[in-house]
Amino acid sequence: MKLNGNSHDRARTNPPAERETERRPKGRSKAGKAAAIAVCVVLILAFGAVAWYIGWEKPPEREGGGLVDPTYESTKPVSTQSPEASAEPSAEPTQDPNEGAPATLNENMYTFLVVGVDQAGGNTDTMMVGRIDTENHTIDVVSLPRDTLVNVSWSVKKINTLYSADINSGGNGIDGLLDGLKDILGFGIDCYAVVDLEAFVELVDAIGGVDYNVPVNMNYYDPTQDLYINIPAGEQHLTGEEALKVVRFRSGYASADIGRIGTQQDFLKSVASQMLTLGNIPNLPTFIDIFEEYVETNMSTANLAYFARQFLMCKSENINFHTLPGNYGDSIKYLSYVSIYIDEWLEMVNSCLNPYDEPVTEANVNILTHSSSTGFYSTTGYVAGGVDSFYDNSAAFGISSTDTGGDTAG
């Protein structure tokens, strides 16, 4: 009986679960603890690296400056016959009760410019302005057609000449471009990137190429730019070199440069979608290295890292592309131009680009528009250089300049 009692006591003081634990090999328990510790160490290092990265990256410092406040006194329509008289104000400007109160810059919104330079002529070949909202994680990008009419003194008054004209006058190109864009935007841009073509190739290759449905058969040869394009339409996987040819091609579109802009935007959506996948997060250092080597920019490495992380926090459906609204069939003295639709443009600027709490109005911009039926209109009241300063391209059509009918044609 005593033996039975002792057996009963041992059974009561050592329940089955504890007895099983006692029989479990000690080596396995130590191995489990070691694995758990290793996982914890990896997690600590990973979170530490992320914390260091976030602490190291930083947004760019911005000059701000508010909305442009031109000193021009008139916004009356410009006479196509007398540019001197057109500079006279038609009436005293209406006094703004809030005049003098600076617009407030949204600390979560950053504006940027991305531009590609034409290797042959030195003009800008592709130009996009955009705004990233780091609070709502949205990006809006607006393409500016290269033929967009701008109010400048030289004869070919196209937006794609701003860069080269500044270089020809002894500048660095980008300052003249930023000043010209400020004229039509009503505010200064925070960050810029002048992209070398090789950067585009390297970036596409870094993400393993891009799957893209090429919209048309692309066949083109331009020896002046060493450009040979022979890419069939349809779904295919593009290398960096092939992708560059796709976005540069424009001769096969009925709408020429506007058709190319549509393809560029569609292609960039595909690139953005692929870069936003988890598989490309480890490539961030590579992206930054490529950017630093091939891109002229006012951003530091820490700034690039900041925007890279903000970009990866966006969803592809929150990246939106737009195109400047205007008359794409305009021409002046037989040279093609895109005349901005001012009201529609200001609406787009304020909804997609403006980082300030005050809306951009005609009072903040220097925009020149043209119509073959009504002539010129300037928000500042004058045509820089006068209406006779436009380049006359009539000889290219075998037409005498005396037969062009003045300022307009077509």
Protein backbone atom coordinates (compact mmCIF):
# COMPACT_ATOMS: atom_id res chain seq x y z
CA MET A 1 0.00 0.00 0.00
CA LYS A 2 2.81 2.37 0.80
CA LEU A 3 4.36 1.62 -2.57
CA ASN A 4 1.10 2.38 -4.27
CA GLY A 5 0.76 5.55 -2.30
CA ASN A 6 4.23 6.75 -3.29
CA SER A 7 3.45 5.96 -6.92
CA HIS A 8 0.25 7.96 -6.69
CA ASP A 9 2.08 10.91 -5.13
CA ARG A 10 4.70 10.93 -7.92
CA ALA A 11 1.98 10.80 -10.54
CA ARG A 12 0.21 13.75 -8.89
CA THR A 13 3.34 15.89 -8.52
CA ASN A 14 4.58 15.13 -12.06
CA PRO A 15 1.67 15.63 -14.51
CA PRO A 16 1.92 14.06 -17.98
CA ALA A 17 2.93 17.32 -19.69
CA GLU A 18 5.81 17.84 -17.32
CA ARG A 19 6.95 14.24 -17.60
CA GLU A 20 6.95 14.62 -21.43
CA THR A 21 9.03 17.73 -21.11
CA GLU A 22 11.51 15.91 -18.94
CA ARG A 23 11.92 13.24 -21.62
CA ARG A 24 12.42 15.84 -24.50
CA PRO A 25 16.05 15.90 -25.70
CA LYS A 26 17.92 18.89 -24.32
CA GLY A 27 19.76 19.48 -27.62
CA ARG A 28 16.54 20.16 -29.50
CA SER A 29 15.43 22.71 -26.92
CA LYS A 30 18.73 24.55 -27.17
CA ALA A 31 18.50 24.52 -30.96
CA GLY A 32 15.02 26.03 -30.81
CA LYS A 33 16.20 28.76 -28.49
CA ALA A 34 19.17 29.50 -30.74
CA ALA A 35 16.91 29.77 -33.80
CA ALA A 36 14.58 32.12 -31.96
CA ILE A 37 17.50 34.27 -30.85
CA ALA A 38 18.86 34.34 -34.41
CA VAL A 39 15.48 35.49 -35.77
CA CYS A 40 15.29 38.18 -33.11
CA VAL A 41 18.79 39.39 -33.96
CA VAL A 42 17.94 39.54 -37.69
CA LEU A 43 14.76 41.47 -36.95
CA ILE A 44 16.59 43.88 -34.69
CA LEU A 45 19.25 44.46 -37.35
CA ALA A 46 16.60 44.87 -40.06
CA PHE A 47 14.56 47.35 -38.07
CA GLY A 48 17.76 49.09 -37.05
CA ALA A 49 18.79 49.42 -40.68
CA VAL A 50 15.39 50.83 -41.61
CA ALA A 51 15.56 53.25 -38.69
CA TRP A 52 19.06 54.32 -39.79
CA TYR A 53 17.90 54.71 -43.40
CA ILE A 54 14.92 56.83 -42.39
CA GLY A 55 17.14 58.88 -40.10
CA TRP A 56 19.70 59.38 -42.89
CA GLU A 57 17.34 60.28 -45.71
CA LYS A 58 15.87 63.75 -45.74
CA PRO A 59 13.57 65.88 -47.87
CA PRO A 60 15.15 68.74 -49.84
CA GLU A 61 15.31 72.24 -48.43
CA ARG A 62 13.09 74.54 -50.43
CA GLU A 63 13.39 78.22 -51.16
CA GLY A 64 9.62 78.60 -51.45
CA GLY A 65 9.10 82.16 -52.65
CA GLY A 66 5.33 81.94 -52.96
CA LEU A 67 3.38 82.59 -56.11
CA VAL A 68 4.88 84.87 -58.74
CA ASP A 69 3.73 88.48 -58.42
CA PRO A 70 4.44 90.13 -61.80
CA THR A 71 4.58 93.91 -62.00
CA TYR A 72 2.74 93.93 -65.30
CA GLU A 73 -0.23 96.27 -65.30
CA SER A 74 -2.46 94.82 -67.99
CA THR A 75 -4.00 91.58 -69.15
CA LYS A 76 -5.79 93.02 -72.16
CA PRO A 77 -5.64 91.21 -75.52
CA VAL A 78 -2.49 92.03 -77.47
CA SER A 79 -2.90 93.75 -80.81
CA THR A 80 -1.34 91.80 -83.67
CA GLN A 81 -0.71 95.08 -85.51
CA SER A 82 0.93 97.30 -82.91
CA PRO A 83 2.99 95.54 -80.24
CA GLU A 84 4.14 98.89 -78.85
CA ALA A 85 0.59 100.03 -78.17
CA SER A 86 -0.34 96.66 -76.70
CA ALA A 87 1.88 97.29 -73.69
CA GLU A 88 -0.35 100.17 -72.54
CA PRO A 89 -2.86 99.23 -69.82
CA SER A 90 -6.53 99.40 -70.75
CA ALA A 91 -7.69 100.01 -67.19
CA GLU A 92 -6.43 100.24 -63.64
CA PRO A 93 -6.05 96.75 -62.12
CA THR A 94 -8.55 95.70 -59.47
CA GLN A 95 -7.11 95.92 -55.97
CA ASP A 96 -6.89 92.56 -54.22
CA PRO A 97 -7.88 92.91 -50.54
CA ASN A 98 -5.44 90.10 -49.66
CA GLU A 99 -2.59 91.59 -51.67
CA GLY A 100 0.70 91.33 -49.83
CA ALA A 101 -0.23 88.20 -47.87
CA PRO A 102 2.19 85.46 -48.97
CA ALA A 103 0.83 82.08 -50.00
CA THR A 104 1.68 79.22 -47.63
CA LEU A 105 3.68 76.29 -48.95
CA ASN A 106 2.27 72.84 -48.14
CA GLU A 107 5.04 71.03 -46.28
CA ASN A 108 3.91 67.66 -47.68
CA MET A 109 3.92 68.65 -51.34
CA TYR A 110 7.02 68.81 -53.51
CA THR A 111 7.19 69.87 -57.15
CA PHE A 112 9.68 68.46 -59.63
CA LEU A 113 10.84 68.70 -63.23
CA VAL A 114 12.13 65.81 -65.32
CA VAL A 115 13.66 66.71 -68.67
CA GLY A 116 15.51 64.84 -71.39
CA VAL A 117 17.82 66.75 -73.74
CA ASP A 118 17.93 66.22 -77.50
CA GLN A 119 21.45 65.01 -78.33
CA ALA A 120 21.44 66.55 -81.79
CA GLY A 121 20.09 70.06 -81.23
CA GLY A 122 20.62 70.64 -77.53
CA ASN A 123 16.92 71.42 -77.04
CA THR A 124 14.80 69.62 -74.48
CA ASP A 125 13.20 66.58 -76.07
CA THR A 126 10.91 65.45 -73.25
CA MET A 127 9.62 67.61 -70.41
CA MET A 128 7.41 66.68 -67.47
CA VAL A 129 6.51 68.67 -64.37
CA GLY A 130 4.94 66.99 -61.37
CA ARG A 131 3.95 67.09 -57.73
CA ILE A 132 4.32 64.39 -55.08
CA ASP A 133 2.10 64.48 -52.00
CA THR A 134 3.98 62.67 -49.24
CA GLU A 135 0.97 62.72 -46.92
CA ASN A 136 -1.62 61.17 -49.23
CA HIS A 137 1.04 59.36 -51.31
CA THR A 138 -0.14 60.58 -54.69
CA ILE A 139 1.88 61.69 -57.70
CA ASP A 140 0.64 63.84 -60.58
CA VAL A 141 2.76 64.34 -63.70
CA VAL A 142 2.01 66.77 -66.54
CA SER A 143 3.69 66.45 -69.95
CA LEU A 144 4.56 69.70 -71.73
CA PRO A 145 4.63 69.41 -75.56
CA ARG A 146 7.91 70.60 -77.03
CA ASP A 147 6.10 73.04 -79.37
CA THR A 148 4.31 74.88 -76.52
CA LEU A 149 4.28 78.64 -77.21
CA VAL A 150 6.18 80.71 -74.62
CA ASN A 151 6.56 84.48 -74.33
CA VAL A 152 10.28 84.91 -75.07
CA SER A 153 12.20 87.43 -77.14
CA TRP A 154 13.93 85.10 -79.61
CA SER A 155 12.33 84.03 -82.87
CA VAL A 156 11.43 80.36 -82.26
CA LYS A 157 9.21 80.82 -79.21
CA LYS A 158 8.87 77.18 -78.18
CA ILE A 159 9.25 75.74 -74.71
CA ASN A 160 11.89 73.27 -75.90
CA THR A 161 14.25 76.17 -76.75
CA LEU A 162 14.45 77.55 -73.19
CA TYR A 163 17.31 75.27 -72.18
CA SER A 164 19.52 75.80 -75.24
CA ALA A 165 18.82 79.55 -75.39
CA ASP A 166 20.12 79.93 -71.84
CA ILE A 167 23.27 77.96 -72.70
CA ASN A 168 23.82 80.08 -75.82
CA SER A 169 23.63 83.21 -73.69
CA GLY A 170 26.28 81.92 -71.29
CA GLY A 171 24.04 80.19 -68.74
CA ASN A 172 23.86 76.59 -67.59
CA GLY A 173 20.60 75.76 -69.37
CA ILE A 174 18.59 74.67 -66.35
CA ASP A 175 18.25 78.18 -64.86
CA GLY A 176 16.73 79.53 -68.06
CA LEU A 177 14.42 76.54 -68.27
CA LEU A 178 13.25 76.93 -64.67
CA ASP A 179 12.61 80.65 -65.21
CA GLY A 180 10.57 79.94 -68.33
CA LEU A 181 8.53 77.28 -66.54
CA LYS A 182 7.90 79.68 -63.65
CA ASP A 183 6.28 82.00 -66.20
CA ILE A 184 3.61 79.47 -67.14
CA LEU A 185 3.25 77.80 -63.71
CA GLY A 186 3.11 80.88 -61.50
CA PHE A 187 5.61 79.44 -58.98
CA GLY A 188 9.11 78.00 -58.84
CA ILE A 189 9.85 74.26 -59.01
CA ASP A 190 11.53 72.57 -56.03
CA CYS A 191 13.57 69.80 -57.65
CA TYR A 192 14.83 69.09 -61.14
CA ALA A 193 16.46 66.24 -63.00
CA VAL A 194 18.10 66.58 -66.42
CA VAL A 195 18.26 62.99 -67.55
CA ASP A 196 20.96 61.52 -69.74
CA LEU A 197 19.60 58.92 -72.15
CA GLU A 198 21.92 56.31 -70.66
CA ALA A 199 20.19 56.74 -67.29
CA PHE A 200 16.91 55.62 -68.82
CA VAL A 201 18.53 52.53 -70.31
CA GLU A 202 20.26 51.61 -67.04
CA LEU A 203 17.11 52.07 -64.93
CA VAL A 204 14.99 49.85 -67.17
CA ASP A 205 17.70 47.17 -67.19
CA ALA A 206 17.99 47.43 -63.39
CA ILE A 207 14.39 46.30 -62.98
CA GLY A 208 14.90 43.44 -65.41
CA GLY A 209 13.28 45.10 -68.41
CA VAL A 210 9.63 46.02 -68.88
CA ASP A 211 6.67 44.13 -70.31
CA TYR A 212 4.88 46.55 -72.62
CA ASN A 213 2.32 46.46 -75.41
CA VAL A 214 3.94 48.55 -78.17
CA PRO A 215 1.04 50.50 -79.77
CA VAL A 216 2.32 50.75 -83.38
CA ASN A 217 5.01 49.33 -85.62
CA MET A 218 8.02 51.54 -84.99
CA ASN A 219 10.40 51.99 -87.91
CA TYR A 220 12.62 55.07 -88.08
CA TYR A 221 16.18 56.02 -88.95
CA ASP A 222 17.93 59.30 -88.12
CA PRO A 223 21.71 59.25 -88.74
CA THR A 224 22.15 62.68 -87.10
CA GLN A 225 21.14 61.14 -83.77
CA ASP A 226 22.51 57.66 -84.51
CA LEU A 227 18.94 56.45 -84.00
CA TYR A 228 17.69 53.26 -85.65
CA ILE A 229 14.29 51.96 -84.55
CA ASN A 230 12.75 48.70 -85.73
CA ILE A 231 10.31 47.47 -83.10
CA PRO A 232 7.07 45.68 -84.06
CA ALA A 233 3.73 46.41 -82.42
CA GLY A 234 2.42 44.08 -79.75
CA GLU A 235 3.13 42.75 -76.28
CA GLN A 236 6.81 42.14 -75.62
CA HIS A 237 9.56 42.34 -73.04
CA LEU A 238 11.75 45.41 -73.66
CA THR A 239 15.36 45.89 -72.65
CA GLY A 240 16.60 49.34 -71.68
CA GLU A 241 17.83 50.10 -75.21
CA GLU A 242 14.55 48.95 -76.76
CA ALA A 243 12.50 50.89 -74.23
CA LEU A 244 14.42 54.07 -75.04
CA LYS A 245 13.61 53.67 -78.71
CA VAL A 246 9.94 53.19 -77.91
CA VAL A 247 9.66 56.42 -75.92
CA ARG A 248 11.69 58.43 -78.47
CA PHE A 249 9.68 57.29 -81.50
CA ARG A 250 7.19 59.86 -82.83
CA SER A 251 7.18 59.86 -86.63
CA GLY A 252 4.55 57.12 -86.95
CA TYR A 253 1.79 58.80 -84.95
CA ALA A 254 -0.96 60.75 -86.70
CA SER A 255 -0.72 63.32 -83.90
CA ALA A 256 3.12 63.37 -83.98
CA ASP A 257 4.54 64.60 -80.68
CA ILE A 258 1.22 64.30 -78.86
CA GLY A 259 1.02 60.64 -79.85
CA ARG A 260 4.53 60.13 -78.51
CA ILE A 261 3.56 61.79 -75.21
CA GLY A 262 0.70 59.31 -74.84
CA THR A 263 3.08 56.39 -75.37
CA GLN A 264 5.62 57.84 -72.94
CA GLN A 265 2.99 58.21 -70.24
CA ASP A 266 1.61 54.72 -70.83
CA PHE A 267 5.10 53.25 -70.73
CA LEU A 268 6.02 55.10 -67.53
CA LYS A 269 2.89 53.71 -65.88
CA SER A 270 4.15 50.22 -66.69
CA VAL A 271 7.60 51.05 -65.29
CA ALA A 272 6.10 52.56 -62.12
CA SER A 273 3.89 49.52 -61.58
CA GLN A 274 6.87 47.17 -61.89
CA MET A 275 9.12 49.28 -59.66
CA LEU A 276 6.45 49.34 -56.95
CA THR A 277 6.57 45.57 -56.57
CA LEU A 278 8.35 44.19 -53.51
CA GLY A 279 10.91 42.58 -55.74
CA ASN A 280 12.44 45.95 -56.60
CA ILE A 281 12.90 47.31 -53.08
CA PRO A 282 16.40 45.76 -52.80
CA ASN A 283 17.32 47.62 -56.01
CA LEU A 284 16.96 51.04 -54.38
CA PRO A 285 20.74 51.53 -53.94
CA THR A 286 21.22 50.64 -57.60
CA PHE A 287 18.57 53.14 -58.68
CA ILE A 288 20.21 55.87 -56.61
CA ASP A 289 23.68 55.06 -58.01
CA ILE A 290 22.37 55.29 -61.58
CA PHE A 291 20.63 58.56 -60.79
CA GLU A 292 23.79 60.08 -59.32
CA GLU A 293 25.94 59.04 -62.28
CA TYR A 294 23.74 60.02 -65.20
CA VAL A 295 21.40 62.74 -63.94
CA GLU A 296 22.06 66.46 -63.38
CA THR A 297 20.02 67.43 -60.34
CA ASN A 298 19.80 69.76 -57.36
CA MET A 299 18.98 66.82 -55.06
CA SER A 300 21.47 65.16 -52.71
CA THR A 301 21.76 61.40 -52.20
CA ALA A 302 19.75 61.75 -48.99
CA ASN A 303 17.04 63.61 -50.94
CA LEU A 304 16.94 60.87 -53.58
CA ALA A 305 16.62 58.24 -50.87
CA TYR A 306 13.75 60.18 -49.31
CA PHE A 307 11.82 60.43 -52.57
CA ALA A 308 12.56 56.80 -53.43
CA ARG A 309 10.94 55.67 -50.19
CA GLN A 310 8.00 58.03 -50.70
CA PHE A 311 7.54 56.64 -54.20
CA LEU A 312 7.48 53.07 -52.90
CA MET A 313 4.70 54.07 -50.50
CA CYS A 314 2.45 55.03 -53.44
CA LYS A 315 0.05 52.74 -55.22
CA SER A 316 0.18 52.55 -58.99
CA GLU A 317 -3.43 53.77 -59.26
CA ASN A 318 -2.43 56.94 -57.39
CA ILE A 319 0.16 57.92 -60.00
CA ASN A 320 -1.62 60.03 -62.61
CA PHE A 321 -0.40 61.48 -65.90
CA HIS A 322 -1.82 64.51 -67.69
CA THR A 323 -0.98 66.61 -70.75
CA LEU A 324 -0.99 70.39 -71.06
CA PRO A 325 -4.33 71.51 -72.56
CA GLY A 326 -3.94 73.56 -75.71
CA ASN A 327 -4.48 73.99 -79.42
CA TYR A 328 -2.14 71.38 -80.92
CA GLY A 329 -2.85 72.45 -84.49
CA ASP A 330 -1.71 76.05 -84.18
CA SER A 331 0.97 77.61 -86.39
CA ILE A 332 2.59 81.03 -86.67
CA LYS A 333 4.33 82.00 -89.89
CA TYR A 334 4.16 78.36 -91.00
CA LEU A 335 5.89 77.01 -87.90
CA SER A 336 3.90 74.68 -85.65
CA TYR A 337 3.03 75.72 -82.09
CA VAL A 338 0.86 74.53 -79.24
CA SER A 339 -1.08 77.46 -77.79
CA ILE A 340 -2.09 77.00 -74.16
CA TYR A 341 -5.79 77.07 -73.24
CA ILE A 342 -5.28 79.40 -70.31
CA ASP A 343 -8.39 78.65 -68.23
CA GLU A 344 -8.01 74.88 -68.58
CA TRP A 345 -4.29 75.11 -67.88
CA LEU A 346 -4.74 77.12 -64.68
CA GLU A 347 -7.33 74.60 -63.52
CA MET A 348 -4.83 71.78 -64.12
CA VAL A 349 -2.02 73.68 -62.41
CA ASN A 350 -4.11 74.25 -59.30
CA SER A 351 -5.49 70.72 -59.09
CA CYS A 352 -2.34 68.79 -60.00
CA LEU A 353 0.77 70.92 -59.44
CA ASN A 354 0.28 73.93 -57.18
CA PRO A 355 1.88 73.30 -53.72
CA TYR A 356 0.55 76.54 -52.21
CA ASP A 357 -2.69 77.27 -50.38
CA GLU A 358 -3.58 80.07 -52.81
CA PRO A 359 -4.70 79.37 -56.40
CA VAL A 360 -2.60 80.45 -59.36
CA THR A 361 -4.43 83.02 -61.49
CA GLU A 362 -3.66 84.99 -64.65
CA ALA A 363 -2.08 87.62 -62.41
CA ASN A 364 0.69 85.10 -61.53
CA VAL A 365 1.63 83.89 -65.00
CA ASN A 366 3.24 85.15 -68.19
CA ILE A 367 1.45 83.19 -70.91
CA LEU A 368 1.20 84.08 -74.59
CA THR A 369 -1.48 82.41 -76.70
CA HIS A 370 -2.38 82.65 -80.35
CA SER A 371 -5.29 81.94 -82.64
CA SER A 372 -5.36 82.20 -86.41
CA SER A 373 -8.74 83.94 -86.13
CA THR A 374 -8.22 86.29 -83.18
CA GLY A 375 -4.46 86.85 -83.12
CA PHE A 376 -2.42 87.03 -79.94
CA TYR A 377 -3.36 87.31 -76.28
CA SER A 378 -0.92 87.77 -73.43
CA THR A 379 -1.63 87.65 -69.70
CA THR A 380 1.05 90.32 -69.25
CA GLY A 381 -0.10 92.62 -72.03
CA TYR A 382 2.81 92.27 -74.42
CA VAL A 383 4.57 89.94 -76.85
CA ALA A 384 8.25 89.66 -76.02
CA GLY A 385 10.20 90.89 -79.06
CA GLY A 386 6.97 92.00 -80.77
CA VAL A 387 4.69 90.08 -83.06
CA ASP A 388 7.10 90.53 -85.97
CA SER A 389 9.87 88.70 -84.12
CA PHE A 390 8.54 85.19 -84.89
CA TYR A 391 10.62 82.99 -87.14
CA ASP A 392 9.24 82.89 -90.68
CA ASN A 393 9.12 79.30 -91.92
CA SER A 394 7.22 80.02 -95.14
CA ALA A 395 10.25 79.26 -97.34
CA ALA A 396 10.07 75.63 -96.25
CA PHE A 397 6.71 75.44 -97.99
CA GLY A 398 7.86 77.31 -101.09
CA ILE A 399 5.87 80.39 -100.08
CA SER A 400 7.14 83.96 -100.19
CA SER A 401 7.11 85.72 -96.83
CA THR A 402 5.11 88.54 -98.42
CA ASP A 403 2.28 86.07 -99.03
CA THR A 404 1.95 84.79 -95.48
CA GLY A 405 -0.75 87.27 -94.54
CA GLY A 406 1.02 88.85 -91.60
CA ASP A 407 1.54 87.05 -88.32
CA THR A 408 -0.56 83.96 -88.77
CA ALA A 409 -0.70 81.05 -91.12
CA GLY A 410 -2.73 77.87 -91.23
